[in-house]
Amino acid sequence: MGTGTTRKGGASARTVRAEGRWTRRKDARPAELLAAALDLFVERGYAGTRLDDVASRAGVSKGTLYLYYSSKEELFKAVIREGLVPVYEHGERMVDAHSGSAEDLIRNLLRAWWEMIGATNLGGIPKLMIAESGNFPEVTRFYFDEVVSRGRKLVARAVRLGIESGEFRDLPVDQIVRLMLAPVMLMAVWRYSFAFCDTTPLDPDSYLKLHVDVLLNGLRATEPALA
């Protein structure tokens, strides 16, 4: 009897420990799966990423992956929603709370984009979308609506604030937004394409400062005072 009780107690203890590990592991799994998926999407592209490989990279079975994401498309959408969309939400809050000049706002927005996306693994997503957009129209439309359109609207708000306050010349906002974002996007694409063979490596900080300086000098309504 005593032996049976010992076995029961031991089994119970093992079950509790196993359940504890399972609970902690289960809570961590979505984040681990998304991190693994992001790494593979950036390394191999959308077409070249297999769910088997994502599961393996995350240290789980493919069946476990399917408990959270029903397809590669759903997994990719989750990477975008969890990784990129919060950055734009952060930018929208920046615009809402800003009380200074439009110039400072634009500097802060572009700097935040680079630090939170361009300089991280998320910066590989724009290259992926440019390369594979024609082959995956549904995924492309999702990315355009959730990221590209939202980013344009966000920056357009900052430009309009400058025009309305008299800081900036009254120029076509849509075109200004494209001119503002293209060089920053190129810097991210370059980082994941030609950077490894560039004999004159690009310094992101100086590049970004120069881009913003040229941009704002072109937007200002009046010539800045000489120092």
Protein backbone atom coordinates (compact mmCIF):
# COMPACT_ATOMS: atom_id res chain seq x y z
CA MET A 1 0.00 0.00 0.00
CA GLY A 2 2.78 2.33 0.92
CA THR A 3 4.55 1.50 -2.32
CA GLY A 4 1.41 2.25 -4.32
CA THR A 5 1.01 5.59 -2.59
CA THR A 6 4.59 6.46 -3.41
CA ARG A 7 4.05 5.65 -7.04
CA LYS A 8 0.88 7.69 -7.15
CA GLY A 9 2.55 10.65 -5.50
CA GLY A 10 5.55 10.40 -7.81
CA ALA A 11 3.34 10.23 -10.87
CA SER A 12 1.35 13.19 -9.62
CA ALA A 13 4.50 15.22 -9.08
CA ARG A 14 5.77 14.34 -12.53
CA THR A 15 2.41 15.33 -14.02
CA VAL A 16 2.49 18.69 -12.27
CA ARG A 17 6.02 19.33 -13.48
CA ALA A 18 5.10 18.26 -17.01
CA GLU A 19 2.01 20.45 -17.00
CA GLY A 20 4.08 23.36 -15.75
CA ARG A 21 6.53 22.96 -18.60
CA TRP A 22 3.68 22.61 -21.09
CA THR A 23 1.96 25.77 -19.85
CA ARG A 24 5.08 27.88 -20.06
CA ARG A 25 6.00 26.43 -23.42
CA LYS A 26 2.50 26.91 -24.82
CA ASP A 27 2.43 30.56 -23.77
CA ALA A 28 5.75 31.15 -25.48
CA ARG A 29 4.94 29.29 -28.70
CA PRO A 30 3.24 32.03 -30.78
CA ALA A 31 6.16 34.41 -30.25
CA GLU A 32 8.68 31.66 -30.99
CA LEU A 33 6.84 30.63 -34.13
CA LEU A 34 6.63 34.21 -35.38
CA ALA A 35 10.33 34.82 -34.69
CA ALA A 36 11.26 31.65 -36.56
CA ALA A 37 8.93 32.54 -39.42
CA LEU A 38 10.37 36.05 -39.74
CA ASP A 39 13.91 34.69 -39.86
CA LEU A 40 13.02 32.21 -42.60
CA PHE A 41 10.91 34.61 -44.65
CA VAL A 42 13.83 37.06 -44.68
CA GLU A 43 16.40 34.35 -45.44
CA ARG A 44 14.47 32.38 -48.07
CA GLY A 45 11.64 34.57 -49.28
CA TYR A 46 7.94 33.79 -49.14
CA ALA A 47 7.94 31.03 -51.75
CA GLY A 48 11.03 29.36 -50.30
CA THR A 49 9.73 29.20 -46.73
CA ARG A 50 8.10 25.91 -45.72
CA LEU A 51 5.97 25.38 -42.64
CA ASP A 52 8.05 22.29 -41.79
CA ASP A 53 11.13 24.48 -41.61
CA VAL A 54 9.39 27.10 -39.47
CA ALA A 55 8.29 24.43 -37.01
CA SER A 56 11.78 22.96 -36.93
CA ARG A 57 13.40 26.35 -36.38
CA ALA A 58 10.96 27.02 -33.52
CA GLY A 59 11.57 23.60 -32.01
CA VAL A 60 8.00 22.30 -32.36
CA SER A 61 6.15 19.83 -34.56
CA LYS A 62 4.32 20.92 -37.70
CA GLY A 63 1.11 19.82 -36.02
CA THR A 64 1.76 22.24 -33.19
CA LEU A 65 2.31 25.05 -35.66
CA TYR A 66 -1.10 24.30 -37.21
CA LEU A 67 -2.72 24.77 -33.81
CA TYR A 68 -1.91 28.47 -34.16
CA TYR A 69 -1.71 29.16 -37.91
CA SER A 70 -3.72 27.31 -40.53
CA SER A 71 -1.47 28.14 -43.50
CA LYS A 72 1.70 29.89 -44.56
CA GLU A 73 -0.35 32.90 -45.62
CA GLU A 74 -1.92 33.17 -42.16
CA LEU A 75 1.51 32.82 -40.58
CA PHE A 76 2.93 35.59 -42.76
CA LYS A 77 -0.02 37.85 -41.94
CA ALA A 78 0.61 37.24 -38.25
CA VAL A 79 4.28 38.23 -38.69
CA ILE A 80 3.11 41.50 -40.27
CA ARG A 81 0.43 42.17 -37.67
CA GLU A 82 2.68 41.44 -34.70
CA GLY A 83 5.90 42.91 -36.07
CA LEU A 84 5.13 45.81 -38.41
CA VAL A 85 1.66 47.08 -37.58
CA PRO A 86 2.57 48.06 -33.98
CA VAL A 87 5.31 50.31 -35.36
CA TYR A 88 2.76 52.28 -37.36
CA GLU A 89 0.45 52.42 -34.37
CA HIS A 90 3.38 53.89 -32.44
CA GLY A 91 3.87 56.47 -35.22
CA GLU A 92 0.21 57.41 -35.14
CA ARG A 93 0.45 58.05 -31.42
CA MET A 94 3.54 60.18 -32.05
CA VAL A 95 1.59 62.35 -34.49
CA ASP A 96 -1.40 62.60 -32.15
CA ALA A 97 0.76 63.74 -29.23
CA HIS A 98 3.16 66.00 -31.14
CA SER A 99 3.09 69.70 -30.25
CA GLY A 100 6.33 70.95 -31.82
CA SER A 101 7.40 71.69 -35.38
CA ALA A 102 6.52 69.50 -38.34
CA GLU A 103 10.24 69.24 -39.09
CA ASP A 104 10.91 67.61 -35.73
CA LEU A 105 7.96 65.30 -36.22
CA ILE A 106 9.24 64.09 -39.58
CA ARG A 107 12.73 63.55 -38.19
CA ASN A 108 11.30 61.54 -35.31
CA LEU A 109 9.04 59.45 -37.55
CA LEU A 110 11.78 58.48 -39.98
CA ARG A 111 14.22 57.76 -37.16
CA ALA A 112 11.66 55.60 -35.38
CA TRP A 113 10.93 53.65 -38.57
CA TRP A 114 14.58 52.88 -39.09
CA GLU A 115 15.26 51.91 -35.48
CA MET A 116 12.15 49.74 -35.14
CA ILE A 117 12.04 48.22 -38.63
CA GLY A 118 14.91 49.09 -40.96
CA ALA A 119 17.70 48.21 -38.55
CA THR A 120 16.00 44.98 -37.41
CA ASN A 121 15.13 41.73 -39.14
CA LEU A 122 11.77 43.27 -40.06
CA GLY A 123 13.71 45.40 -42.54
CA GLY A 124 13.97 42.34 -44.78
CA ILE A 125 10.22 42.24 -45.40
CA PRO A 126 10.13 45.14 -47.94
CA LYS A 127 12.71 43.34 -50.11
CA LEU A 128 10.67 40.14 -49.89
CA MET A 129 7.50 41.94 -50.97
CA ILE A 130 9.19 43.73 -53.87
CA ALA A 131 10.67 40.45 -55.11
CA GLU A 132 7.56 38.28 -54.78
CA SER A 133 4.59 40.62 -55.01
CA GLY A 134 3.62 39.52 -58.53
CA ASN A 135 3.46 35.85 -57.54
CA PHE A 136 1.33 36.25 -54.42
CA PRO A 137 -1.32 38.94 -55.07
CA GLU A 138 -3.41 38.19 -51.97
CA VAL A 139 -0.42 38.49 -49.66
CA THR A 140 0.68 41.62 -51.50
CA ARG A 141 -2.71 43.26 -51.13
CA PHE A 142 -2.72 42.49 -47.42
CA TYR A 143 0.77 43.99 -47.00
CA PHE A 144 -0.15 47.05 -49.05
CA ASP A 145 -3.30 47.74 -47.01
CA GLU A 146 -1.79 47.01 -43.59
CA VAL A 147 1.64 48.56 -44.05
CA VAL A 148 2.17 50.66 -47.19
CA SER A 149 -1.13 52.55 -47.13
CA ARG A 150 -0.99 53.06 -43.40
CA GLY A 151 2.57 54.35 -43.59
CA ARG A 152 1.68 56.80 -46.35
CA LYS A 153 -1.29 58.16 -44.42
CA LEU A 154 0.84 58.57 -41.33
CA VAL A 155 3.57 60.56 -43.07
CA ALA A 156 0.98 62.56 -45.03
CA ARG A 157 -0.46 63.78 -41.74
CA ALA A 158 2.95 65.13 -40.72
CA VAL A 159 3.45 66.85 -44.08
CA ARG A 160 0.00 68.45 -43.96
CA LEU A 161 0.71 69.78 -40.47
CA GLY A 162 3.77 71.53 -41.89
CA ILE A 163 1.82 72.98 -44.82
CA GLU A 164 -1.04 74.16 -42.63
CA SER A 165 1.33 75.80 -40.13
CA GLY A 166 3.21 77.59 -42.90
CA GLU A 167 6.47 75.71 -42.27
CA PHE A 168 6.33 73.93 -45.63
CA ARG A 169 5.53 75.00 -49.14
CA ASP A 170 2.15 73.97 -50.48
CA LEU A 171 3.28 71.02 -52.58
CA PRO A 172 1.46 67.82 -53.65
CA VAL A 173 1.34 65.79 -50.44
CA ASP A 174 1.13 62.39 -52.12
CA GLN A 175 4.29 63.01 -54.11
CA ILE A 176 6.15 64.42 -51.10
CA VAL A 177 5.26 61.29 -49.13
CA ARG A 178 6.66 59.05 -51.86
CA LEU A 179 9.84 61.10 -52.10
CA MET A 180 10.22 60.96 -48.34
CA LEU A 181 9.77 57.22 -47.94
CA ALA A 182 11.57 55.86 -51.03
CA PRO A 183 15.18 56.55 -49.91
CA VAL A 184 14.52 55.09 -46.46
CA MET A 185 12.95 51.98 -47.97
CA LEU A 186 15.89 51.64 -50.36
CA MET A 187 18.29 51.69 -47.42
CA ALA A 188 16.46 48.69 -45.91
CA VAL A 189 16.34 46.84 -49.24
CA TRP A 190 20.04 47.53 -49.83
CA ARG A 191 20.88 46.08 -46.43
CA TYR A 192 19.36 42.75 -47.50
CA SER A 193 20.65 42.69 -51.07
CA PHE A 194 23.86 44.43 -52.18
CA ALA A 195 25.32 45.47 -48.83
CA PHE A 196 27.48 42.37 -48.51
CA CYS A 197 29.44 43.22 -51.68
CA ASP A 198 29.49 47.02 -51.32
CA THR A 199 33.09 48.21 -50.94
CA THR A 200 31.86 51.51 -49.48
CA PRO A 201 29.44 50.40 -46.76
CA LEU A 202 26.47 52.65 -46.13
CA ASP A 203 26.30 54.31 -42.73
CA PRO A 204 22.57 54.37 -41.93
CA ASP A 205 22.82 57.20 -39.41
CA SER A 206 24.60 59.67 -41.71
CA TYR A 207 22.49 58.59 -44.69
CA LEU A 208 19.27 59.21 -42.79
CA LYS A 209 20.43 62.59 -41.49
CA LEU A 210 21.43 63.73 -44.98
CA HIS A 211 18.17 62.51 -46.50
CA VAL A 212 16.10 64.39 -43.93
CA ASP A 213 18.22 67.53 -44.33
CA VAL A 214 17.82 67.57 -48.12
CA LEU A 215 14.12 66.80 -47.84
CA LEU A 216 13.34 69.51 -45.30
CA ASN A 217 15.37 72.13 -47.13
CA GLY A 218 13.22 71.44 -50.16
CA LEU A 219 10.01 71.65 -48.16
CA ARG A 220 10.64 74.80 -46.15
CA ALA A 221 8.46 77.74 -47.05
CA THR A 222 11.28 80.23 -46.48
CA GLU A 223 15.04 80.03 -46.65
CA PRO A 224 16.56 79.22 -43.24
CA ALA A 225 18.51 82.03 -41.60
CA LEU A 226 22.27 81.93 -42.14
CA ALA A 227 24.28 80.82 -39.12
